[in-house]
Every structure is written in structure tokens, then in C-alpha cells.
Amino acid sequence: MTLNKKGSRRIIVDGIAYRWRIRRKPSYTQGLCWTPLVYAVGITDSDRPGRALVVTTGLPHPGNWVGVEAEPVRPAHVAAAIKEARAQGWDPSAPGSPFLFSQAAGIVPMP
């Protein structure tokens, strides 16, 4: 899966270019801080769309509606998630369903 340029940021990890994007508006459950922030990563240097990486953080969405202070997701966090997902078997150029990667250790989502 390739992410659109609009609204996404470019990052290079180990010589491979990726795009990553955080949803601008929170989902209903993210707005109420029931579920954490999620962002998507896709490869950009491939001639065909590949497998996306969906990273679940342990952070609240910055646009949440209940006023919980949010820490920004920095490019260093994204690079670390990409490296860890690659170590766990994510191949961004292979076709398939999104690779789900969680950094939300100890967080129990509410219904």
C-alpha cells in the first residue's frame, strides 16, 4: 500500500524511503481516549503497492475530546517502529493485508 503524499510525511530508514501518516481527526473511540493513536506506514520506492504497516501507539490522539495531553509522534519513534516491525517479519514490498504492530504494552482498550 502506498500512502498519498497529501497529509503524509517522508522518512528514510536503512536506505529505504517510506511515507507515514496519522489520521487528522480522531475516530470516535480515540476522541474519547478509549483507544490509542494509530498511524500507517507504507513504502514509496516500489513500482507496485506493498503491505502497509499499522502501528498502534500507547499515546492518546492529539485531537482527543476529553483534554488528555498528548505527546507528539516523532520521526525517531516511526523509524524505531519500522525497524522493529522489519525484525518481526514485515516486508513492505510484498503484497498482502496490513501488518499490525503494537507499541501499546499494558493498555487495555475500553469497549
PDB file of N, CA and C in Angstrom:
ATOM      1  N   MET A   1       0.848  -1.171   0.000  1.00  0.00           N
ATOM      2  CA  MET A   1       0.000   0.000   0.000  1.00  0.00           C
ATOM      3  C   MET A   1       0.890   1.228   0.000  1.00  0.00           C
ATOM      4  N   THR A   2       0.614   2.137  -0.887  1.00  0.00           N
ATOM      5  CA  THR A   2       1.329   3.400  -0.893  1.00  0.00           C
ATOM      6  C   THR A   2       0.412   4.462  -0.315  1.00  0.00           C
ATOM      7  N   LEU A   3       0.984   5.289   0.520  1.00  0.00           N
ATOM      8  CA  LEU A   3       0.212   6.381   1.120  1.00  0.00           C
ATOM      9  C   LEU A   3       0.276   7.600   0.222  1.00  0.00           C
ATOM     10  N   ASN A   4      -0.798   8.347   0.180  1.00  0.00           N
ATOM     11  CA  ASN A   4      -0.823   9.580  -0.587  1.00  0.00           C
ATOM     12  C   ASN A   4       0.184  10.570  -0.033  1.00  0.00           C
ATOM     13  N   LYS A   5       0.697  11.421  -0.905  1.00  0.00           N
ATOM     14  CA  LYS A   5       1.636  12.439  -0.453  1.00  0.00           C
ATOM     15  C   LYS A   5       0.944  13.458   0.446  1.00  0.00           C
ATOM     16  N   LYS A   6      -0.304  13.753   0.128  1.00  0.00           N
ATOM     17  CA  LYS A   6      -1.032  14.753   0.898  1.00  0.00           C
ATOM     18  C   LYS A   6      -1.298  14.229   2.314  1.00  0.00           C
ATOM     19  N   GLY A   7      -0.812  14.968   3.301  1.00  0.00           N
ATOM     20  CA  GLY A   7      -1.036  14.598   4.690  1.00  0.00           C
ATOM     21  C   GLY A   7      -0.061  13.593   5.256  1.00  0.00           C
ATOM     22  N   SER A   8       0.891  13.137   4.439  1.00  0.00           N
ATOM     23  CA  SER A   8       1.856  12.158   4.946  1.00  0.00           C
ATOM     24  C   SER A   8       3.248  12.779   4.972  1.00  0.00           C
ATOM     25  N   ARG A   9       4.118  12.145   5.725  1.00  0.00           N
ATOM     26  CA  ARG A   9       5.500  12.606   5.841  1.00  0.00           C
ATOM     27  C   ARG A   9       6.436  11.532   5.333  1.00  0.00           C
ATOM     28  N   ARG A  10       7.523  11.953   4.751  1.00  0.00           N
ATOM     29  CA  ARG A  10       8.513  11.029   4.207  1.00  0.00           C
ATOM     30  C   ARG A  10       9.585  10.761   5.263  1.00  0.00           C
ATOM     31  N   ILE A  11      10.038   9.522   5.310  1.00  0.00           N
ATOM     32  CA  ILE A  11      11.117   9.142   6.220  1.00  0.00           C
ATOM     33  C   ILE A  11      11.949   8.073   5.525  1.00  0.00           C
ATOM     34  N   ILE A  12      13.258   8.139   5.734  1.00  0.00           N
ATOM     35  CA  ILE A  12      14.155   7.140   5.164  1.00  0.00           C
ATOM     36  C   ILE A  12      14.767   6.345   6.311  1.00  0.00           C
ATOM     37  N   VAL A  13      14.597   5.029   6.256  1.00  0.00           N
ATOM     38  CA  VAL A  13      15.126   4.129   7.279  1.00  0.00           C
ATOM     39  C   VAL A  13      15.940   3.051   6.579  1.00  0.00           C
ATOM     40  N   ASP A  14      17.202   2.949   6.940  1.00  0.00           N
ATOM     41  CA  ASP A  14      18.117   1.964   6.354  1.00  0.00           C
ATOM     42  C   ASP A  14      18.151   2.043   4.827  1.00  0.00           C
ATOM     43  N   GLY A  15      18.104   3.268   4.295  1.00  0.00           N
ATOM     44  CA  GLY A  15      18.194   3.479   2.858  1.00  0.00           C
ATOM     45  C   GLY A  15      16.906   3.260   2.086  1.00  0.00           C
ATOM     46  N   ILE A  16      15.804   2.970   2.758  1.00  0.00           N
ATOM     47  CA  ILE A  16      14.521   2.743   2.098  1.00  0.00           C
ATOM     48  C   ILE A  16      13.583   3.884   2.467  1.00  0.00           C
ATOM     49  N   ALA A  17      12.921   4.456   1.460  1.00  0.00           N
ATOM     50  CA  ALA A  17      12.007   5.578   1.691  1.00  0.00           C
ATOM     51  C   ALA A  17      10.603   5.067   2.001  1.00  0.00           C
ATOM     52  N   TYR A  18      10.010   5.643   3.031  1.00  0.00           N
ATOM     53  CA  TYR A  18       8.645   5.308   3.453  1.00  0.00           C
ATOM     54  C   TYR A  18       7.849   6.597   3.577  1.00  0.00           C
ATOM     55  N   ARG A  19       6.525   6.467   3.642  1.00  0.00           N
ATOM     56  CA  ARG A  19       5.639   7.567   3.994  1.00  0.00           C
ATOM     57  C   ARG A  19       4.836   7.115   5.192  1.00  0.00           C
ATOM     58  N   TRP A  20       4.601   8.034   6.133  1.00  0.00           N
ATOM     59  CA  TRP A  20       3.801   7.719   7.313  1.00  0.00           C
ATOM     60  C   TRP A  20       2.774   8.804   7.521  1.00  0.00           C
ATOM     61  N   ARG A  21       1.646   8.403   8.090  1.00  0.00           N
ATOM     62  CA  ARG A  21       0.526   9.323   8.234  1.00  0.00           C
ATOM     63  C   ARG A  21      -0.285   9.007   9.479  1.00  0.00           C
ATOM     64  N   ILE A  22      -0.662  10.075  10.175  1.00  0.00           N
ATOM     65  CA  ILE A  22      -1.576   9.979  11.304  1.00  0.00           C
ATOM     66  C   ILE A  22      -2.908  10.552  10.850  1.00  0.00           C
ATOM     67  N   ARG A  23      -3.967   9.883  11.197  1.00  0.00           N
ATOM     68  CA  ARG A  23      -5.294  10.380  10.850  1.00  0.00           C
ATOM     69  C   ARG A  23      -5.504  11.747  11.503  1.00  0.00           C
ATOM     70  N   ARG A  24      -5.918  12.720  10.714  1.00  0.00           N
ATOM     71  CA  ARG A  24      -6.057  14.092  11.206  1.00  0.00           C
ATOM     72  C   ARG A  24      -7.087  14.206  12.322  1.00  0.00           C
ATOM     73  N   LYS A  25      -8.254  13.663  12.088  1.00  0.00           N
ATOM     74  CA  LYS A  25      -9.304  13.703  13.103  1.00  0.00           C
ATOM     75  C   LYS A  25      -9.350  12.366  13.829  1.00  0.00           C
ATOM     76  N   PRO A  26      -9.553  12.389  15.133  1.00  0.00           N
ATOM     77  CA  PRO A  26      -9.614  11.116  15.855  1.00  0.00           C
ATOM     78  C   PRO A  26     -10.887  10.351  15.517  1.00  0.00           C
ATOM     79  N   SER A  27     -10.810   9.034  15.597  1.00  0.00           N
ATOM     80  CA  SER A  27     -12.027   8.233  15.495  1.00  0.00           C
ATOM     81  C   SER A  27     -12.839   8.479  16.765  1.00  0.00           C
ATOM     82  N   TYR A  28     -14.042   7.985  16.807  1.00  0.00           N
ATOM     83  CA  TYR A  28     -14.892   8.197  17.986  1.00  0.00           C
ATOM     84  C   TYR A  28     -14.219   7.658  19.251  1.00  0.00           C
ATOM     85  N   THR A  29     -13.674   6.442  19.159  1.00  0.00           N
ATOM     86  CA  THR A  29     -13.064   5.841  20.340  1.00  0.00           C
ATOM     87  C   THR A  29     -11.742   6.520  20.706  1.00  0.00           C
ATOM     88  N   GLN A  30     -11.025   7.031  19.713  1.00  0.00           N
ATOM     89  CA  GLN A  30      -9.812   7.793  20.003  1.00  0.00           C
ATOM     90  C   GLN A  30     -10.148   9.152  20.605  1.00  0.00           C
ATOM     91  N   GLY A  31     -11.224   9.759  20.150  1.00  0.00           N
ATOM     92  CA  GLY A  31     -11.652  11.052  20.678  1.00  0.00           C
ATOM     93  C   GLY A  31     -12.014  10.973  22.152  1.00  0.00           C
ATOM     94  N   LEU A  32     -12.527   9.825  22.576  1.00  0.00           N
ATOM     95  CA  LEU A  32     -12.881   9.621  23.982  1.00  0.00           C
ATOM     96  C   LEU A  32     -11.748   8.958  24.769  1.00  0.00           C
ATOM     97  N   CYS A  33     -10.600   8.763  24.128  1.00  0.00           N
ATOM     98  CA  CYS A  33      -9.416   8.129  24.730  1.00  0.00           C
ATOM     99  C   CYS A  33      -9.681   6.688  25.161  1.00  0.00           C
ATOM    100  N   TRP A  34     -10.569   6.013  24.466  1.00  0.00           N
ATOM    101  CA  TRP A  34     -10.812   4.601  24.730  1.00  0.00           C
ATOM    102  C   TRP A  34      -9.781   3.737  24.011  1.00  0.00           C
ATOM    103  N   THR A  35      -9.287   4.217  22.873  1.00  0.00           N
ATOM    104  CA  THR A  35      -8.256   3.509  22.121  1.00  0.00           C
ATOM    105  C   THR A  35      -7.117   4.475  21.829  1.00  0.00           C
ATOM    106  N   PRO A  36      -5.900   3.960  21.679  1.00  0.00           N
ATOM    107  CA  PRO A  36      -4.755   4.832  21.451  1.00  0.00           C
ATOM    108  C   PRO A  36      -4.616   5.281  19.995  1.00  0.00           C
ATOM    109  N   LEU A  37      -3.692   6.164  19.800  1.00  0.00           N
ATOM    110  CA  LEU A  37      -3.356   6.697  18.488  1.00  0.00           C
ATOM    111  C   LEU A  37      -2.793   5.596  17.595  1.00  0.00           C
ATOM    112  N   VAL A  38      -3.186   5.633  16.323  1.00  0.00           N
ATOM    113  CA  VAL A  38      -2.718   4.664  15.334  1.00  0.00           C
ATOM    114  C   VAL A  38      -2.191   5.444  14.132  1.00  0.00           C
ATOM    115  N   TYR A  39      -1.079   4.980  13.558  1.00  0.00           N
ATOM    116  CA  TYR A  39      -0.600   5.593  12.318  1.00  0.00           C
ATOM    117  C   TYR A  39      -0.200   4.509  11.333  1.00  0.00           C
ATOM    118  N   ALA A  40      -0.155   4.891  10.051  1.00  0.00           N
ATOM    119  CA  ALA A  40       0.144   3.945   8.980  1.00  0.00           C
ATOM    120  C   ALA A  40       1.456   4.306   8.308  1.00  0.00           C
ATOM    121  N   VAL A  41       2.159   3.279   7.860  1.00  0.00           N
ATOM    122  CA  VAL A  41       3.438   3.446   7.161  1.00  0.00           C
ATOM    123  C   VAL A  41       3.378   2.615   5.888  1.00  0.00           C
ATOM    124  N   GLY A  42       3.879   3.189   4.800  1.00  0.00           N
ATOM    125  CA  GLY A  42       3.947   2.464   3.533  1.00  0.00           C
ATOM    126  C   GLY A  42       5.237   2.788   2.808  1.00  0.00           C
ATOM    127  N   ILE A  43       5.673   1.897   1.956  1.00  0.00           N
ATOM    128  CA  ILE A  43       6.902   2.101   1.185  1.00  0.00           C
ATOM    129  C   ILE A  43       6.610   3.021   0.005  1.00  0.00           C
ATOM    130  N   THR A  44       7.592   3.818  -0.407  1.00  0.00           N
ATOM    131  CA  THR A  44       7.375   4.743  -1.520  1.00  0.00           C
ATOM    132  C   THR A  44       8.202   4.398  -2.744  1.00  0.00           C
ATOM    133  N   ASP A  45       9.310   3.705  -2.589  1.00  0.00           N
ATOM    134  CA  ASP A  45      10.220   3.438  -3.702  1.00  0.00           C
ATOM    135  C   ASP A  45       9.904   2.166  -4.472  1.00  0.00           C
ATOM    136  N   SER A  46       8.722   1.668  -4.345  1.00  0.00           N
ATOM    137  CA  SER A  46       8.347   0.435  -5.030  1.00  0.00           C
ATOM    138  C   SER A  46       7.489   0.774  -6.247  1.00  0.00           C
ATOM    139  N   ASP A  47       7.603  -0.021  -7.312  1.00  0.00           N
ATOM    140  CA  ASP A  47       6.796   0.221  -8.503  1.00  0.00           C
ATOM    141  C   ASP A  47       5.391  -0.363  -8.364  1.00  0.00           C
ATOM    142  N   ARG A  48       5.168  -1.152  -7.328  1.00  0.00           N
ATOM    143  CA  ARG A  48       3.828  -1.693  -7.074  1.00  0.00           C
ATOM    144  C   ARG A  48       3.504  -1.516  -5.589  1.00  0.00           C
ATOM    145  N   PRO A  49       2.231  -1.366  -5.264  1.00  0.00           N
ATOM    146  CA  PRO A  49       1.877  -1.195  -3.853  1.00  0.00           C
ATOM    147  C   PRO A  49       2.202  -2.448  -3.051  1.00  0.00           C
ATOM    148  N   GLY A  50       2.647  -2.234  -1.840  1.00  0.00           N
ATOM    149  CA  GLY A  50       3.021  -3.355  -0.988  1.00  0.00           C
ATOM    150  C   GLY A  50       2.145  -3.434   0.246  1.00  0.00           C
ATOM    151  N   ARG A  51       2.677  -4.058   1.262  1.00  0.00           N
ATOM    152  CA  ARG A  51       1.956  -4.293   2.511  1.00  0.00           C
ATOM    153  C   ARG A  51       2.177  -3.120   3.466  1.00  0.00           C
ATOM    154  N   ALA A  52       1.113  -2.570   3.987  1.00  0.00           N
ATOM    155  CA  ALA A  52       1.192  -1.440   4.907  1.00  0.00           C
ATOM    156  C   ALA A  52       1.529  -1.915   6.312  1.00  0.00           C
ATOM    157  N   LEU A  53       2.082  -1.002   7.083  1.00  0.00           N
ATOM    158  CA  LEU A  53       2.352  -1.225   8.496  1.00  0.00           C
ATOM    159  C   LEU A  53       1.396  -0.329   9.267  1.00  0.00           C
ATOM    160  N   VAL A  54       0.644  -0.898  10.181  1.00  0.00           N
ATOM    161  CA  VAL A  54      -0.280  -0.127  11.025  1.00  0.00           C
ATOM    162  C   VAL A  54       0.244  -0.223  12.457  1.00  0.00           C
ATOM    163  N   VAL A  55       0.672   0.912  12.995  1.00  0.00           N
ATOM    164  CA  VAL A  55       1.296   0.963  14.313  1.00  0.00           C
ATOM    165  C   VAL A  55       0.307   1.524  15.326  1.00  0.00           C
ATOM    166  N   THR A  56       0.049   0.758  16.374  1.00  0.00           N
ATOM    167  CA  THR A  56      -0.785   1.212  17.489  1.00  0.00           C
ATOM    168  C   THR A  56       0.156   1.676  18.584  1.00  0.00           C
ATOM    169  N   THR A  57       0.058   2.954  18.925  1.00  0.00           N
ATOM    170  CA  THR A  57       0.926   3.519  19.957  1.00  0.00           C
ATOM    171  C   THR A  57       0.251   3.385  21.315  1.00  0.00           C
ATOM    172  N   GLY A  58       0.942   3.777  22.337  1.00  0.00           N
ATOM    173  CA  GLY A  58       0.349   3.817  23.671  1.00  0.00           C
ATOM    174  C   GLY A  58      -0.066   5.224  24.044  1.00  0.00           C
ATOM    175  N   LEU A  59      -0.199   6.088  23.036  1.00  0.00           N
ATOM    176  CA  LEU A  59      -0.473   7.508  23.258  1.00  0.00           C
ATOM    177  C   LEU A  59      -1.902   7.873  22.892  1.00  0.00           C
ATOM    178  N   PRO A  60      -2.460   8.900  23.524  1.00  0.00           N
ATOM    179  CA  PRO A  60      -3.776   9.381  23.092  1.00  0.00           C
ATOM    180  C   PRO A  60      -3.641  10.190  21.805  1.00  0.00           C
ATOM    181  N   HIS A  61      -4.712  10.259  21.044  1.00  0.00           N
ATOM    182  CA  HIS A  61      -4.722  11.075  19.828  1.00  0.00           C
ATOM    183  C   HIS A  61      -4.639  12.544  20.234  1.00  0.00           C
ATOM    184  N   PRO A  62      -3.829  13.364  19.535  1.00  0.00           N
ATOM    185  CA  PRO A  62      -3.701  14.768  19.912  1.00  0.00           C
ATOM    186  C   PRO A  62      -5.013  15.554  19.814  1.00  0.00           C
ATOM    187  N   GLY A  63      -5.936  15.082  19.005  1.00  0.00           N
ATOM    188  CA  GLY A  63      -7.213  15.771  18.853  1.00  0.00           C
ATOM    189  C   GLY A  63      -8.319  15.186  19.713  1.00  0.00           C
ATOM    190  N   ASN A  64      -7.954  14.510  20.813  1.00  0.00           N
ATOM    191  CA  ASN A  64      -8.995  13.887  21.637  1.00  0.00           C
ATOM    192  C   ASN A  64      -9.899  14.954  22.235  1.00  0.00           C
ATOM    193  N   TRP A  65     -11.104  14.544  22.595  1.00  0.00           N
ATOM    194  CA  TRP A  65     -12.141  15.481  23.036  1.00  0.00           C
ATOM    195  C   TRP A  65     -12.213  15.654  24.540  1.00  0.00           C
ATOM    196  N   VAL A  66     -11.441  14.897  25.283  1.00  0.00           N
ATOM    197  CA  VAL A  66     -11.549  14.957  26.737  1.00  0.00           C
ATOM    198  C   VAL A  66     -10.397  15.726  27.383  1.00  0.00           C
ATOM    199  N   GLY A  67      -9.520  16.292  26.574  1.00  0.00           N
ATOM    200  CA  GLY A  67      -8.464  17.140  27.089  1.00  0.00           C
ATOM    201  C   GLY A  67      -7.248  16.431  27.638  1.00  0.00           C
ATOM    202  N   VAL A  68      -7.064  15.164  27.304  1.00  0.00           N
ATOM    203  CA  VAL A  68      -5.876  14.440  27.755  1.00  0.00           C
ATOM    204  C   VAL A  68      -4.686  14.940  26.936  1.00  0.00           C
ATOM    205  N   GLU A  69      -3.619  15.320  27.634  1.00  0.00           N
ATOM    206  CA  GLU A  69      -2.442  15.836  26.948  1.00  0.00           C
ATOM    207  C   GLU A  69      -1.768  14.726  26.154  1.00  0.00           C
ATOM    208  N   ALA A  70      -1.431  15.032  24.908  1.00  0.00           N
ATOM    209  CA  ALA A  70      -0.841  14.040  24.019  1.00  0.00           C
ATOM    210  C   ALA A  70       0.605  14.389  23.710  1.00  0.00           C
ATOM    211  N   GLU A  71       1.431  13.373  23.672  1.00  0.00           N
ATOM    212  CA  GLU A  71       2.828  13.532  23.284  1.00  0.00           C
ATOM    213  C   GLU A  71       2.912  13.333  21.768  1.00  0.00           C
ATOM    214  N   PRO A  72       3.670  14.167  21.060  1.00  0.00           N
ATOM    215  CA  PRO A  72       3.738  14.002  19.609  1.00  0.00           C
ATOM    216  C   PRO A  72       4.489  12.741  19.191  1.00  0.00           C
ATOM    217  N   VAL A  73       4.112  12.201  18.051  1.00  0.00           N
ATOM    218  CA  VAL A  73       4.841  11.082  17.457  1.00  0.00           C
ATOM    219  C   VAL A  73       5.951  11.706  16.626  1.00  0.00           C
ATOM    220  N   ARG A  74       7.166  11.385  16.948  1.00  0.00           N
ATOM    221  CA  ARG A  74       8.325  11.972  16.277  1.00  0.00           C
ATOM    222  C   ARG A  74       8.878  10.994  15.236  1.00  0.00           C
ATOM    223  N   PRO A  75       9.589  11.522  14.246  1.00  0.00           N
ATOM    224  CA  PRO A  75      10.181  10.635  13.238  1.00  0.00           C
ATOM    225  C   PRO A  75      11.071   9.542  13.838  1.00  0.00           C
ATOM    226  N   ALA A  76      11.730   9.830  14.945  1.00  0.00           N
ATOM    227  CA  ALA A  76      12.549   8.791  15.590  1.00  0.00           C
ATOM    228  C   ALA A  76      11.690   7.634  16.081  1.00  0.00           C
ATOM    229  N   HIS A  77      10.480   7.932  16.568  1.00  0.00           N
ATOM    230  CA  HIS A  77       9.560   6.868  17.001  1.00  0.00           C
ATOM    231  C   HIS A  77       9.125   6.030  15.802  1.00  0.00           C
ATOM    232  N   VAL A  78       8.842   6.702  14.692  1.00  0.00           N
ATOM    233  CA  VAL A  78       8.407   5.996  13.484  1.00  0.00           C
ATOM    234  C   VAL A  78       9.535   5.105  12.964  1.00  0.00           C
ATOM    235  N   ALA A  79      10.758   5.638  12.934  1.00  0.00           N
ATOM    236  CA  ALA A  79      11.901   4.850  12.463  1.00  0.00           C
ATOM    237  C   ALA A  79      12.117   3.621  13.341  1.00  0.00           C
ATOM    238  N   ALA A  80      11.990   3.788  14.648  1.00  0.00           N
ATOM    239  CA  ALA A  80      12.152   2.649  15.557  1.00  0.00           C
ATOM    240  C   ALA A  80      11.062   1.608  15.326  1.00  0.00           C
ATOM    241  N   ALA A  81       9.833   2.050  15.093  1.00  0.00           N
ATOM    242  CA  ALA A  81       8.733   1.116  14.832  1.00  0.00           C
ATOM    243  C   ALA A  81       8.964   0.364  13.523  1.00  0.00           C
ATOM    244  N   ILE A  82       9.454   1.065  12.505  1.00  0.00           N
ATOM    245  CA  ILE A  82       9.733   0.419  11.219  1.00  0.00           C
ATOM    246  C   ILE A  82      10.811  -0.648  11.387  1.00  0.00           C
ATOM    247  N   LYS A  83      11.887  -0.314  12.094  1.00  0.00           N
ATOM    248  CA  LYS A  83      12.973  -1.283  12.308  1.00  0.00           C
ATOM    249  C   LYS A  83      12.493  -2.503  13.086  1.00  0.00           C
ATOM    250  N   GLU A  84      11.695  -2.281  14.118  1.00  0.00           N
ATOM    251  CA  GLU A  84      11.192  -3.394  14.925  1.00  0.00           C
ATOM    252  C   GLU A  84      10.221  -4.262  14.119  1.00  0.00           C
ATOM    253  N   ALA A  85       9.357  -3.634  13.331  1.00  0.00           N
ATOM    254  CA  ALA A  85       8.412  -4.393  12.506  1.00  0.00           C
ATOM    255  C   ALA A  85       9.151  -5.206  11.443  1.00  0.00           C
ATOM    256  N   ARG A  86      10.200  -4.632  10.869  1.00  0.00           N
ATOM    257  CA  ARG A  86      11.006  -5.379   9.891  1.00  0.00           C
ATOM    258  C   ARG A  86      11.656  -6.585  10.563  1.00  0.00           C
ATOM    259  N   ALA A  87      12.117  -6.405  11.798  1.00  0.00           N
ATOM    260  CA  ALA A  87      12.724  -7.513  12.540  1.00  0.00           C
ATOM    261  C   ALA A  87      11.704  -8.604  12.854  1.00  0.00           C
ATOM    262  N   GLN A  88      10.426  -8.214  12.971  1.00  0.00           N
ATOM    263  CA  GLN A  88       9.366  -9.183  13.264  1.00  0.00           C
ATOM    264  C   GLN A  88       8.744  -9.785  12.009  1.00  0.00           C
ATOM    265  N   GLY A  89       9.264  -9.422  10.834  1.00  0.00           N
ATOM    266  CA  GLY A  89       8.796 -10.073   9.616  1.00  0.00           C
ATOM    267  C   GLY A  89       8.011  -9.231   8.642  1.00  0.00           C
ATOM    268  N   TRP A  90       7.862  -7.946   8.878  1.00  0.00           N
ATOM    269  CA  TRP A  90       7.131  -7.094   7.932  1.00  0.00           C
ATOM    270  C   TRP A  90       7.972  -6.876   6.687  1.00  0.00           C
ATOM    271  N   ASP A  91       7.413  -7.200   5.539  1.00  0.00           N
ATOM    272  CA  ASP A  91       8.054  -6.939   4.245  1.00  0.00           C
ATOM    273  C   ASP A  91       7.200  -5.917   3.520  1.00  0.00           C
ATOM    274  N   PRO A  92       7.633  -4.651   3.463  1.00  0.00           N
ATOM    275  CA  PRO A  92       6.793  -3.596   2.895  1.00  0.00           C
ATOM    276  C   PRO A  92       6.555  -3.714   1.400  1.00  0.00           C
ATOM    277  N   SER A  93       7.392  -4.451   0.686  1.00  0.00           N
ATOM    278  CA  SER A  93       7.208  -4.565  -0.760  1.00  0.00           C
ATOM    279  C   SER A  93       6.364  -5.779  -1.155  1.00  0.00           C
ATOM    280  N   ALA A  94       6.080  -6.654  -0.209  1.00  0.00           N
ATOM    281  CA  ALA A  94       5.258  -7.836  -0.503  1.00  0.00           C
ATOM    282  C   ALA A  94       3.775  -7.466  -0.448  1.00  0.00           C
ATOM    283  N   PRO A  95       2.964  -8.052  -1.313  1.00  0.00           N
ATOM    284  CA  PRO A  95       1.525  -7.780  -1.245  1.00  0.00           C
ATOM    285  C   PRO A  95       0.898  -8.478  -0.043  1.00  0.00           C
ATOM    286  N   GLY A  96      -0.244  -7.983   0.355  1.00  0.00           N
ATOM    287  CA  GLY A  96      -0.949  -8.630   1.460  1.00  0.00           C
ATOM    288  C   GLY A  96      -1.678  -7.634   2.328  1.00  0.00           C
ATOM    289  N   SER A  97      -2.316  -8.176   3.340  1.00  0.00           N
ATOM    290  CA  SER A  97      -3.062  -7.337   4.272  1.00  0.00           C
ATOM    291  C   SER A  97      -2.087  -6.575   5.166  1.00  0.00           C
ATOM    292  N   PRO A  98      -2.553  -5.501   5.804  1.00  0.00           N
ATOM    293  CA  PRO A  98      -1.666  -4.704   6.651  1.00  0.00           C
ATOM    294  C   PRO A  98      -1.034  -5.513   7.778  1.00  0.00           C
ATOM    295  N   PHE A  99       0.195  -5.164   8.095  1.00  0.00           N
ATOM    296  CA  PHE A  99       0.937  -5.771   9.192  1.00  0.00           C
ATOM    297  C   PHE A  99       0.636  -4.949  10.435  1.00  0.00           C
ATOM    298  N   LEU A 100       0.032  -5.563  11.430  1.00  0.00           N
ATOM    299  CA  LEU A 100      -0.353  -4.859  12.651  1.00  0.00           C
ATOM    300  C   LEU A 100       0.776  -4.952  13.662  1.00  0.00           C
ATOM    301  N   PHE A 101       1.199  -3.783  14.154  1.00  0.00           N
ATOM    302  CA  PHE A 101       2.313  -3.705  15.102  1.00  0.00           C
ATOM    303  C   PHE A 101       1.870  -2.838  16.279  1.00  0.00           C
ATOM    304  N   SER A 102       1.994  -3.367  17.486  1.00  0.00           N
ATOM    305  CA  SER A 102       1.529  -2.640  18.667  1.00  0.00           C
ATOM    306  C   SER A 102       2.685  -2.230  19.559  1.00  0.00           C
ATOM    307  N   GLN A 103       2.681  -0.968  19.937  1.00  0.00           N
ATOM    308  CA  GLN A 103       3.619  -0.434  20.921  1.00  0.00           C
ATOM    309  C   GLN A 103       2.870  -0.079  22.198  1.00  0.00           C
ATOM    310  N   ALA A 104       1.643  -0.527  22.320  1.00  0.00           N
ATOM    311  CA  ALA A 104       0.770  -0.170  23.439  1.00  0.00           C
ATOM    312  C   ALA A 104       0.786  -1.251  24.497  1.00  0.00           C
ATOM    313  N   ALA A 105       1.946  -1.562  25.023  1.00  0.00           N
ATOM    314  CA  ALA A 105       2.064  -2.592  26.050  1.00  0.00           C
ATOM    315  C   ALA A 105       1.353  -2.170  27.311  1.00  0.00           C
ATOM    316  N   GLY A 106       0.514  -3.042  27.822  1.00  0.00           N
ATOM    317  CA  GLY A 106      -0.178  -2.781  29.084  1.00  0.00           C
ATOM    318  C   GLY A 106      -1.432  -1.951  28.959  1.00  0.00           C
ATOM    319  N   ILE A 107      -1.801  -1.541  27.761  1.00  0.00           N
ATOM    320  CA  ILE A 107      -3.009  -0.733  27.593  1.00  0.00           C
ATOM    321  C   ILE A 107      -4.161  -1.666  27.253  1.00  0.00           C
ATOM    322  N   VAL A 108      -5.218  -1.550  28.017  1.00  0.00           N
ATOM    323  CA  VAL A 108      -6.416  -2.343  27.782  1.00  0.00           C
ATOM    324  C   VAL A 108      -7.471  -1.422  27.196  1.00  0.00           C
ATOM    325  N   PRO A 109      -7.846  -1.612  25.909  1.00  0.00           N
ATOM    326  CA  PRO A 109      -8.846  -0.729  25.319  1.00  0.00           C
ATOM    327  C   PRO A 109     -10.213  -0.915  25.950  1.00  0.00           C
ATOM    328  N   MET A 110     -10.927   0.169  26.070  1.00  0.00           N
ATOM    329  CA  MET A 110     -12.291   0.120  26.610  1.00  0.00           C
ATOM    330  C   MET A 110     -13.250  -0.148  25.464  1.00  0.00           C
ATOM    331  N   PRO A 111     -14.422  -0.694  25.754  1.00  0.00           N
ATOM    332  CA  PRO A 111     -15.372  -1.009  24.666  1.00  0.00           C
ATOM    333  C   PRO A 111     -15.907   0.224  23.973  1.00  0.00           C
TER     334      PRO A 111
END
